[in-house]
Amino acid sequence: MKHISERLLVPETVAAMSNEFKTNHPYPHIIIDDFLKPETASAAFDNFPPYELFNKKYKGLNEKKAEGSNIEDFNPIFSEIINDLSSPDMYKWIQQVCNIKEEVVMTDDAEGRGLHQGGKGSFLDIHIDFNIHRKHNLHRRLNILIYLNKHWLPEYGGGLEMWNPDVTKMEKVAEPKFNRCLIFETNEISYHGYGRINVPENESRKSIYGYYYTQTRDGAVPYHDTVFKARPEEGKLKQIQTDLKETTKNTIKRVLKKVGITFK
């Protein structure tokens, strides 16, 4: 793994991170600063693609952001980082840090890896993620996010919020600092998201994302898509609109998946 900081590979460090991951609240997670080697992080920041190059744009009731799974259209540094994140050595490291006995994999598609970007007004409402890969029927276990926001200011907002299981209280915020990595367990209570950001026109919230899967999972539940929840302070109308949309969306997608039709 030529782009990951070597200090993170030391056995004693791995053991300490493993303990931190499993004891953190409100669900297992770990925040790792200076995750990439300095020259790698700087190269990724300097060559981060413009918003227009991202192949998916989301703008709706519960989210406003761009997703770029078209890695081949970006600077080669991103393919190299993704290759590290999906290497056998990284799989072994992830299993050790995150206490997963099953073999993990990252798929080579939008449901496995890519880039995220959000400009002024970007937001991602509180949600849990889809739990099963639509095509390969793998169980989604972990999210990894590497933030590339070199000049980020606190007043911009955009911290990754971690909420309690019934979405009544925000328990923790991970600020999207430059070269900070956040790894967290994907489960039925791992509610997370970020509020509307207030950045200058020439600034954006940038990150690399990756999702890790296993063939099986203890306590697995039937397939569902992303499930959004309104924040407590957002009012009844937003809550009703969100619940209605999510119930309808997940019902339709569940039925279509049973007959072999999948889409994002």
C-alpha atoms as a PDB file:
ATOM      1  CA  MET A   1       0.000   0.000   0.000  1.00  0.00           C
ATOM      2  CA  LYS A   2       2.194   2.797  -1.275  1.00  0.00           C
ATOM      3  CA  HIS A   3      -0.173   5.684  -0.495  1.00  0.00           C
ATOM      4  CA  ILE A   4      -1.260   4.836   3.074  1.00  0.00           C
ATOM      5  CA  SER A   5       0.742   6.278   5.967  1.00  0.00           C
ATOM      6  CA  GLU A   6       3.209   3.628   7.127  1.00  0.00           C
ATOM      7  CA  ARG A   7       2.723   4.458  10.804  1.00  0.00           C
ATOM      8  CA  LEU A   8      -0.798   3.004  10.577  1.00  0.00           C
ATOM      9  CA  LEU A   9       0.552  -0.431   9.662  1.00  0.00           C
ATOM     10  CA  VAL A  10       2.546  -0.963  12.862  1.00  0.00           C
ATOM     11  CA  PRO A  11       0.994  -3.925  14.793  1.00  0.00           C
ATOM     12  CA  GLU A  12       0.758  -1.993  18.072  1.00  0.00           C
ATOM     13  CA  THR A  13      -1.021   0.857  16.290  1.00  0.00           C
ATOM     14  CA  VAL A  14      -3.419  -1.558  14.607  1.00  0.00           C
ATOM     15  CA  ALA A  15      -4.272  -3.129  17.977  1.00  0.00           C
ATOM     16  CA  ALA A  16      -4.930   0.276  19.539  1.00  0.00           C
ATOM     17  CA  MET A  17      -7.146   1.342  16.632  1.00  0.00           C
ATOM     18  CA  SER A  18      -9.070  -1.932  16.829  1.00  0.00           C
ATOM     19  CA  ASN A  19      -9.908  -1.286  20.467  1.00  0.00           C
ATOM     20  CA  GLU A  20     -10.889   2.305  19.722  1.00  0.00           C
ATOM     21  CA  PHE A  21     -13.121   1.255  16.819  1.00  0.00           C
ATOM     22  CA  LYS A  22     -15.157  -1.231  18.841  1.00  0.00           C
ATOM     23  CA  THR A  23     -15.581   1.040  21.888  1.00  0.00           C
ATOM     24  CA  ASN A  24     -16.522   4.280  20.122  1.00  0.00           C
ATOM     25  CA  HIS A  25     -20.110   5.541  20.209  1.00  0.00           C
ATOM     26  CA  PRO A  26     -22.809   5.883  18.972  1.00  0.00           C
ATOM     27  CA  TYR A  27     -21.698   2.967  16.747  1.00  0.00           C
ATOM     28  CA  PRO A  28     -18.288   1.473  15.960  1.00  0.00           C
ATOM     29  CA  HIS A  29     -16.060   3.964  14.142  1.00  0.00           C
ATOM     30  CA  ILE A  30     -12.617   5.496  14.106  1.00  0.00           C
ATOM     31  CA  ILE A  31     -11.221   8.861  13.001  1.00  0.00           C
ATOM     32  CA  ILE A  32      -7.658   8.764  11.662  1.00  0.00           C
ATOM     33  CA  ASP A  33      -5.795  11.957  10.840  1.00  0.00           C
ATOM     34  CA  ASP A  34      -2.961  12.058   8.278  1.00  0.00           C
ATOM     35  CA  PHE A  35      -4.236   8.831   6.727  1.00  0.00           C
ATOM     36  CA  LEU A  36      -2.567   9.225   3.336  1.00  0.00           C
ATOM     37  CA  LYS A  37       1.088  10.021   2.885  1.00  0.00           C
ATOM     38  CA  PRO A  38       1.508  13.822   2.696  1.00  0.00           C
ATOM     39  CA  GLU A  39       2.552  13.857  -0.953  1.00  0.00           C
ATOM     40  CA  THR A  40      -0.414  11.648  -1.890  1.00  0.00           C
ATOM     41  CA  ALA A  41      -2.942  13.808  -0.049  1.00  0.00           C
ATOM     42  CA  SER A  42      -1.544  16.964  -1.644  1.00  0.00           C
ATOM     43  CA  ALA A  43      -1.629  15.409  -5.120  1.00  0.00           C
ATOM     44  CA  ALA A  44      -5.250  14.327  -4.609  1.00  0.00           C
ATOM     45  CA  PHE A  45      -6.224  17.808  -3.437  1.00  0.00           C
ATOM     46  CA  ASP A  46      -4.399  19.547  -6.286  1.00  0.00           C
ATOM     47  CA  ASN A  47      -5.973  17.267  -8.899  1.00  0.00           C
ATOM     48  CA  PHE A  48      -9.471  16.923  -7.455  1.00  0.00           C
ATOM     49  CA  PRO A  49     -11.828  16.990 -10.463  1.00  0.00           C
ATOM     50  CA  PRO A  50     -14.316  19.808 -11.058  1.00  0.00           C
ATOM     51  CA  TYR A  51     -17.963  19.272 -10.179  1.00  0.00           C
ATOM     52  CA  GLU A  52     -18.925  19.065 -13.858  1.00  0.00           C
ATOM     53  CA  LEU A  53     -16.898  15.876 -14.376  1.00  0.00           C
ATOM     54  CA  PHE A  54     -18.837  13.887 -11.773  1.00  0.00           C
ATOM     55  CA  ASN A  55     -21.183  11.399 -13.423  1.00  0.00           C
ATOM     56  CA  LYS A  56     -24.016  11.622 -10.874  1.00  0.00           C
ATOM     57  CA  LYS A  57     -25.687  14.664  -9.371  1.00  0.00           C
ATOM     58  CA  TYR A  58     -28.243  14.405  -6.576  1.00  0.00           C
ATOM     59  CA  LYS A  59     -30.636  17.257  -5.835  1.00  0.00           C
ATOM     60  CA  GLY A  60     -33.789  16.385  -3.952  1.00  0.00           C
ATOM     61  CA  LEU A  61     -35.661  16.529  -0.679  1.00  0.00           C
ATOM     62  CA  ASN A  62     -32.925  14.811   1.314  1.00  0.00           C
ATOM     63  CA  GLU A  63     -29.626  15.448  -0.459  1.00  0.00           C
ATOM     64  CA  LYS A  64     -27.673  17.759  -2.707  1.00  0.00           C
ATOM     65  CA  LYS A  65     -24.244  16.538  -3.790  1.00  0.00           C
ATOM     66  CA  ALA A  66     -22.266  14.978  -6.632  1.00  0.00           C
ATOM     67  CA  GLU A  67     -20.849  11.470  -6.874  1.00  0.00           C
ATOM     68  CA  GLY A  68     -18.058  10.456  -9.215  1.00  0.00           C
ATOM     69  CA  SER A  69     -17.656   6.726  -9.748  1.00  0.00           C
ATOM     70  CA  ASN A  70     -16.140   7.386 -13.190  1.00  0.00           C
ATOM     71  CA  ILE A  71     -12.621   7.091 -11.779  1.00  0.00           C
ATOM     72  CA  GLU A  72     -11.138   6.550 -15.236  1.00  0.00           C
ATOM     73  CA  ASP A  73     -12.012  10.163 -16.111  1.00  0.00           C
ATOM     74  CA  PHE A  74      -9.996  11.586 -13.217  1.00  0.00           C
ATOM     75  CA  ASN A  75      -6.309  12.091 -12.507  1.00  0.00           C
ATOM     76  CA  PRO A  76      -4.471   8.740 -12.098  1.00  0.00           C
ATOM     77  CA  ILE A  77      -3.739   9.488  -8.436  1.00  0.00           C
ATOM     78  CA  PHE A  78      -7.341   8.543  -7.619  1.00  0.00           C
ATOM     79  CA  SER A  79      -7.097   5.154  -9.315  1.00  0.00           C
ATOM     80  CA  GLU A  80      -3.901   4.540  -7.375  1.00  0.00           C
ATOM     81  CA  ILE A  81      -5.530   5.407  -4.049  1.00  0.00           C
ATOM     82  CA  ILE A  82      -8.556   3.246  -4.853  1.00  0.00           C
ATOM     83  CA  ASN A  83      -6.217   0.395  -5.778  1.00  0.00           C
ATOM     84  CA  ASP A  84      -4.623   0.696  -2.343  1.00  0.00           C
ATOM     85  CA  LEU A  85      -8.028   0.726  -0.630  1.00  0.00           C
ATOM     86  CA  SER A  86      -9.071  -2.410  -2.525  1.00  0.00           C
ATOM     87  CA  SER A  87      -5.813  -4.342  -2.176  1.00  0.00           C
ATOM     88  CA  PRO A  88      -5.430  -7.639  -0.252  1.00  0.00           C
ATOM     89  CA  ASP A  89      -3.165  -5.901   2.268  1.00  0.00           C
ATOM     90  CA  MET A  90      -5.814  -3.244   2.898  1.00  0.00           C
ATOM     91  CA  TYR A  91      -8.520  -5.898   3.252  1.00  0.00           C
ATOM     92  CA  LYS A  92      -6.434  -7.597   5.944  1.00  0.00           C
ATOM     93  CA  TRP A  93      -5.814  -4.275   7.700  1.00  0.00           C
ATOM     94  CA  ILE A  94      -9.507  -3.361   7.608  1.00  0.00           C
ATOM     95  CA  GLN A  95     -10.513  -6.733   9.057  1.00  0.00           C
ATOM     96  CA  GLN A  96      -8.046  -6.279  11.918  1.00  0.00           C
ATOM     97  CA  VAL A  97      -8.933  -2.671  12.728  1.00  0.00           C
ATOM     98  CA  CYS A  98     -12.685  -3.221  12.437  1.00  0.00           C
ATOM     99  CA  ASN A  99     -12.828  -6.671  14.059  1.00  0.00           C
ATOM    100  CA  ILE A 100     -14.406  -8.436  11.090  1.00  0.00           C
ATOM    101  CA  LYS A 101     -13.777 -12.174  10.792  1.00  0.00           C
ATOM    102  CA  GLU A 102     -15.193 -12.586   7.285  1.00  0.00           C
ATOM    103  CA  GLU A 103     -13.166 -11.640   4.224  1.00  0.00           C
ATOM    104  CA  VAL A 104     -13.975  -8.125   3.027  1.00  0.00           C
ATOM    105  CA  VAL A 105     -14.065  -6.845  -0.555  1.00  0.00           C
ATOM    106  CA  MET A 106     -14.646  -3.531  -2.303  1.00  0.00           C
ATOM    107  CA  THR A 107     -16.556  -3.702  -5.582  1.00  0.00           C
ATOM    108  CA  ASP A 108     -15.309  -1.897  -8.679  1.00  0.00           C
ATOM    109  CA  ASP A 109     -18.419   0.206  -9.271  1.00  0.00           C
ATOM    110  CA  ALA A 110     -20.409   3.115  -7.856  1.00  0.00           C
ATOM    111  CA  GLU A 111     -21.488   0.956  -4.914  1.00  0.00           C
ATOM    112  CA  GLY A 112     -17.863   0.286  -4.082  1.00  0.00           C
ATOM    113  CA  ARG A 113     -15.743   3.397  -4.576  1.00  0.00           C
ATOM    114  CA  GLY A 114     -15.569   6.922  -5.968  1.00  0.00           C
ATOM    115  CA  LEU A 115     -15.458  10.602  -5.075  1.00  0.00           C
ATOM    116  CA  HIS A 116     -17.987  12.909  -3.443  1.00  0.00           C
ATOM    117  CA  GLN A 117     -18.237  16.663  -3.813  1.00  0.00           C
ATOM    118  CA  GLY A 118     -20.647  19.296  -2.586  1.00  0.00           C
ATOM    119  CA  GLY A 119     -20.655  23.014  -3.330  1.00  0.00           C
ATOM    120  CA  LYS A 120     -22.466  25.883  -1.634  1.00  0.00           C
ATOM    121  CA  GLY A 121     -25.719  24.626  -0.122  1.00  0.00           C
ATOM    122  CA  SER A 122     -24.767  20.954  -0.331  1.00  0.00           C
ATOM    123  CA  PHE A 123     -26.283  18.687   2.329  1.00  0.00           C
ATOM    124  CA  LEU A 124     -26.975  15.049   3.079  1.00  0.00           C
ATOM    125  CA  ASP A 125     -29.835  14.336   5.449  1.00  0.00           C
ATOM    126  CA  ILE A 126     -29.507  11.834   8.263  1.00  0.00           C
ATOM    127  CA  HIS A 127     -29.773   8.258   6.992  1.00  0.00           C
ATOM    128  CA  ILE A 128     -28.651   4.673   7.155  1.00  0.00           C
ATOM    129  CA  ASP A 129     -27.153   3.230   3.988  1.00  0.00           C
ATOM    130  CA  PHE A 130     -28.406   0.500   1.700  1.00  0.00           C
ATOM    131  CA  ASN A 131     -27.444  -2.806   3.287  1.00  0.00           C
ATOM    132  CA  ILE A 132     -26.934  -5.203   0.367  1.00  0.00           C
ATOM    133  CA  HIS A 133     -25.146  -4.686  -2.950  1.00  0.00           C
ATOM    134  CA  ARG A 134     -27.858  -4.617  -5.597  1.00  0.00           C
ATOM    135  CA  LYS A 135     -26.008  -6.722  -8.164  1.00  0.00           C
ATOM    136  CA  HIS A 136     -23.716  -8.991  -6.149  1.00  0.00           C
ATOM    137  CA  ASN A 137     -25.916  -9.490  -3.052  1.00  0.00           C
ATOM    138  CA  LEU A 138     -22.981  -8.763  -0.755  1.00  0.00           C
ATOM    139  CA  HIS A 139     -23.540  -7.376   2.741  1.00  0.00           C
ATOM    140  CA  ARG A 140     -22.324  -3.828   3.231  1.00  0.00           C
ATOM    141  CA  ARG A 141     -20.236  -3.653   6.389  1.00  0.00           C
ATOM    142  CA  LEU A 142     -18.111  -0.504   6.419  1.00  0.00           C
ATOM    143  CA  ASN A 143     -17.803   2.981   4.957  1.00  0.00           C
ATOM    144  CA  ILE A 144     -14.430   4.654   4.533  1.00  0.00           C
ATOM    145  CA  LEU A 145     -14.241   8.390   3.828  1.00  0.00           C
ATOM    146  CA  ILE A 146     -11.040  10.334   3.196  1.00  0.00           C
ATOM    147  CA  TYR A 147     -11.564  14.088   3.308  1.00  0.00           C
ATOM    148  CA  LEU A 148      -9.561  16.405   1.055  1.00  0.00           C
ATOM    149  CA  ASN A 149     -10.531  19.859   2.331  1.00  0.00           C
ATOM    150  CA  LYS A 150      -7.240  21.695   2.792  1.00  0.00           C
ATOM    151  CA  HIS A 151      -8.643  25.163   3.538  1.00  0.00           C
ATOM    152  CA  TRP A 152     -11.807  24.180   5.410  1.00  0.00           C
ATOM    153  CA  LEU A 153     -13.069  26.615   8.051  1.00  0.00           C
ATOM    154  CA  PRO A 154     -15.357  25.724  10.993  1.00  0.00           C
ATOM    155  CA  GLU A 155     -17.991  28.209   9.818  1.00  0.00           C
ATOM    156  CA  TYR A 156     -18.455  26.199   6.618  1.00  0.00           C
ATOM    157  CA  GLY A 157     -20.162  23.397   8.570  1.00  0.00           C
ATOM    158  CA  GLY A 158     -20.247  20.031   6.826  1.00  0.00           C
ATOM    159  CA  GLY A 159     -19.110  17.844   9.711  1.00  0.00           C
ATOM    160  CA  LEU A 160     -20.239  14.217   9.489  1.00  0.00           C
ATOM    161  CA  GLU A 161     -22.907  13.920  12.172  1.00  0.00           C
ATOM    162  CA  MET A 162     -23.404  10.627  14.003  1.00  0.00           C
ATOM    163  CA  TRP A 163     -26.821  10.200  15.591  1.00  0.00           C
ATOM    164  CA  ASN A 164     -28.371   7.888  18.154  1.00  0.00           C
ATOM    165  CA  PRO A 165     -30.547   4.939  17.006  1.00  0.00           C
ATOM    166  CA  ASP A 166     -33.898   6.771  17.120  1.00  0.00           C
ATOM    167  CA  VAL A 167     -32.528   9.979  15.544  1.00  0.00           C
ATOM    168  CA  THR A 168     -33.402  12.183  18.499  1.00  0.00           C
ATOM    169  CA  LYS A 169     -29.878  13.255  19.449  1.00  0.00           C
ATOM    170  CA  MET A 170     -26.655  13.945  17.586  1.00  0.00           C
ATOM    171  CA  GLU A 171     -23.902  12.149  19.499  1.00  0.00           C
ATOM    172  CA  LYS A 172     -20.729  13.145  17.641  1.00  0.00           C
ATOM    173  CA  VAL A 173     -19.414  15.206  14.724  1.00  0.00           C
ATOM    174  CA  ALA A 174     -16.354  14.386  12.607  1.00  0.00           C
ATOM    175  CA  GLU A 175     -15.069  17.558  10.967  1.00  0.00           C
ATOM    176  CA  PRO A 176     -14.073  17.013   7.299  1.00  0.00           C
ATOM    177  CA  LYS A 177     -10.457  18.068   7.799  1.00  0.00           C
ATOM    178  CA  PHE A 178      -7.784  17.610   5.157  1.00  0.00           C
ATOM    179  CA  ASN A 179      -6.375  14.067   5.006  1.00  0.00           C
ATOM    180  CA  ARG A 180      -8.721  12.841   7.739  1.00  0.00           C
ATOM    181  CA  CYS A 181     -10.110   9.337   7.356  1.00  0.00           C
ATOM    182  CA  LEU A 182     -13.362   8.195   8.925  1.00  0.00           C
ATOM    183  CA  ILE A 183     -14.238   4.498   8.983  1.00  0.00           C
ATOM    184  CA  PHE A 184     -17.558   3.406  10.453  1.00  0.00           C
ATOM    185  CA  GLU A 185     -19.728   0.340  10.632  1.00  0.00           C
ATOM    186  CA  THR A 186     -22.741   0.219   8.328  1.00  0.00           C
ATOM    187  CA  ASN A 187     -25.709  -1.224  10.191  1.00  0.00           C
ATOM    188  CA  GLU A 188     -29.357  -0.586  10.991  1.00  0.00           C
ATOM    189  CA  ILE A 189     -28.589   2.159  13.539  1.00  0.00           C
ATOM    190  CA  SER A 190     -25.580   3.907  11.961  1.00  0.00           C
ATOM    191  CA  TYR A 191     -27.469   7.130  11.238  1.00  0.00           C
ATOM    192  CA  HIS A 192     -25.249   9.834   9.771  1.00  0.00           C
ATOM    193  CA  GLY A 193     -25.254  12.825   7.426  1.00  0.00           C
ATOM    194  CA  TYR A 194     -24.197  16.461   7.213  1.00  0.00           C
ATOM    195  CA  GLY A 195     -26.056  19.745   7.333  1.00  0.00           C
ATOM    196  CA  ARG A 196     -26.245  22.361   4.611  1.00  0.00           C
ATOM    197  CA  ILE A 197     -22.780  23.841   4.074  1.00  0.00           C
ATOM    198  CA  ASN A 198     -21.994  27.506   3.648  1.00  0.00           C
ATOM    199  CA  VAL A 199     -18.865  27.795   1.515  1.00  0.00           C
ATOM    200  CA  PRO A 200     -17.585  30.401  -0.948  1.00  0.00           C
ATOM    201  CA  GLU A 201     -18.370  29.826  -4.610  1.00  0.00           C
ATOM    202  CA  ASN A 202     -14.841  28.566  -5.276  1.00  0.00           C
ATOM    203  CA  GLU A 203     -14.856  26.056  -2.396  1.00  0.00           C
ATOM    204  CA  SER A 204     -16.418  22.592  -2.033  1.00  0.00           C
ATOM    205  CA  ARG A 205     -16.596  19.651   0.351  1.00  0.00           C
ATOM    206  CA  LYS A 206     -14.389  16.924  -1.156  1.00  0.00           C
ATOM    207  CA  SER A 207     -13.863  13.287  -0.234  1.00  0.00           C
ATOM    208  CA  ILE A 208     -12.906   9.856  -1.488  1.00  0.00           C
ATOM    209  CA  TYR A 209     -15.376   7.133  -0.514  1.00  0.00           C
ATOM    210  CA  GLY A 210     -15.216   3.362  -0.339  1.00  0.00           C
ATOM    211  CA  TYR A 211     -17.574   0.640   0.869  1.00  0.00           C
ATOM    212  CA  TYR A 212     -16.492  -2.773   2.157  1.00  0.00           C
ATOM    213  CA  TYR A 213     -18.633  -5.898   1.867  1.00  0.00           C
ATOM    214  CA  THR A 214     -18.712  -9.491   3.096  1.00  0.00           C
ATOM    215  CA  GLN A 215     -20.453 -12.580   1.729  1.00  0.00           C
ATOM    216  CA  THR A 216     -22.391 -13.160   4.948  1.00  0.00           C
ATOM    217  CA  ARG A 217     -23.334 -11.217   8.053  1.00  0.00           C
ATOM    218  CA  ASP A 218     -24.652 -12.158  11.470  1.00  0.00           C
ATOM    219  CA  GLY A 219     -28.109 -10.727  12.083  1.00  0.00           C
ATOM    220  CA  ALA A 220     -28.603  -9.784   8.432  1.00  0.00           C
ATOM    221  CA  VAL A 221     -31.922  -8.169   7.517  1.00  0.00           C
ATOM    222  CA  PRO A 222     -33.679  -8.171   4.117  1.00  0.00           C
ATOM    223  CA  TYR A 223     -32.531  -5.736   1.440  1.00  0.00           C
ATOM    224  CA  HIS A 224     -33.361  -2.070   1.800  1.00  0.00           C
ATOM    225  CA  ASP A 225     -32.144   1.047   0.046  1.00  0.00           C
ATOM    226  CA  THR A 226     -30.897   4.169   1.827  1.00  0.00           C
ATOM    227  CA  VAL A 227     -33.347   5.202   4.566  1.00  0.00           C
ATOM    228  CA  PHE A 228     -33.470   8.942   5.245  1.00  0.00           C
ATOM    229  CA  LYS A 229     -34.813  10.563   8.409  1.00  0.00           C
ATOM    230  CA  ALA A 230     -35.669  14.204   9.045  1.00  0.00           C
ATOM    231  CA  ARG A 231     -33.906  15.924  11.925  1.00  0.00           C
ATOM    232  CA  PRO A 232     -36.091  16.547  15.002  1.00  0.00           C
ATOM    233  CA  GLU A 233     -35.977  20.323  14.478  1.00  0.00           C
ATOM    234  CA  GLU A 234     -37.037  20.178  10.820  1.00  0.00           C
ATOM    235  CA  GLY A 235     -40.750  20.086  11.530  1.00  0.00           C
ATOM    236  CA  LYS A 236     -43.657  17.766  10.837  1.00  0.00           C
ATOM    237  CA  LEU A 237     -43.986  18.534   7.119  1.00  0.00           C
ATOM    238  CA  LYS A 238     -40.391  17.531   6.331  1.00  0.00           C
ATOM    239  CA  GLN A 239     -40.773  14.439   8.513  1.00  0.00           C
ATOM    240  CA  ILE A 240     -43.991  13.378   6.762  1.00  0.00           C
ATOM    241  CA  GLN A 241     -42.567  14.038   3.289  1.00  0.00           C
ATOM    242  CA  THR A 242     -39.392  12.103   4.079  1.00  0.00           C
ATOM    243  CA  ASP A 243     -41.167   9.117   5.637  1.00  0.00           C
ATOM    244  CA  LEU A 244     -43.624   8.885   2.723  1.00  0.00           C
ATOM    245  CA  LYS A 245     -40.879   9.132   0.105  1.00  0.00           C
ATOM    246  CA  GLU A 246     -38.665   6.575   1.828  1.00  0.00           C
ATOM    247  CA  THR A 247     -41.462   4.063   2.374  1.00  0.00           C
ATOM    248  CA  THR A 248     -42.562   4.308  -1.265  1.00  0.00           C
ATOM    249  CA  LYS A 249     -39.008   4.174  -2.637  1.00  0.00           C
ATOM    250  CA  ASN A 250     -37.938   1.191  -0.567  1.00  0.00           C
ATOM    251  CA  THR A 251     -41.116  -0.766  -1.297  1.00  0.00           C
ATOM    252  CA  ILE A 252     -40.714  -0.290  -5.050  1.00  0.00           C
ATOM    253  CA  LYS A 253     -36.987  -1.093  -5.059  1.00  0.00           C
ATOM    254  CA  ARG A 254     -37.494  -4.194  -2.922  1.00  0.00           C
ATOM    255  CA  VAL A 255     -40.127  -5.536  -5.320  1.00  0.00           C
ATOM    256  CA  LEU A 256     -38.022  -4.743  -8.392  1.00  0.00           C
ATOM    257  CA  LYS A 257     -34.942  -6.378  -6.888  1.00  0.00           C
ATOM    258  CA  LYS A 258     -36.888  -9.605  -6.378  1.00  0.00           C
ATOM    259  CA  VAL A 259     -37.533  -9.773 -10.131  1.00  0.00           C
ATOM    260  CA  GLY A 260     -33.969  -8.878 -11.035  1.00  0.00           C
ATOM    261  CA  ILE A 261     -34.351  -5.156 -11.752  1.00  0.00           C
ATOM    262  CA  THR A 262     -31.927  -2.895  -9.905  1.00  0.00           C
ATOM    263  CA  PHE A 263     -31.095   0.788 -10.158  1.00  0.00           C
ATOM    264  CA  LYS A 264     -29.680   3.502  -7.962  1.00  0.00           C
END
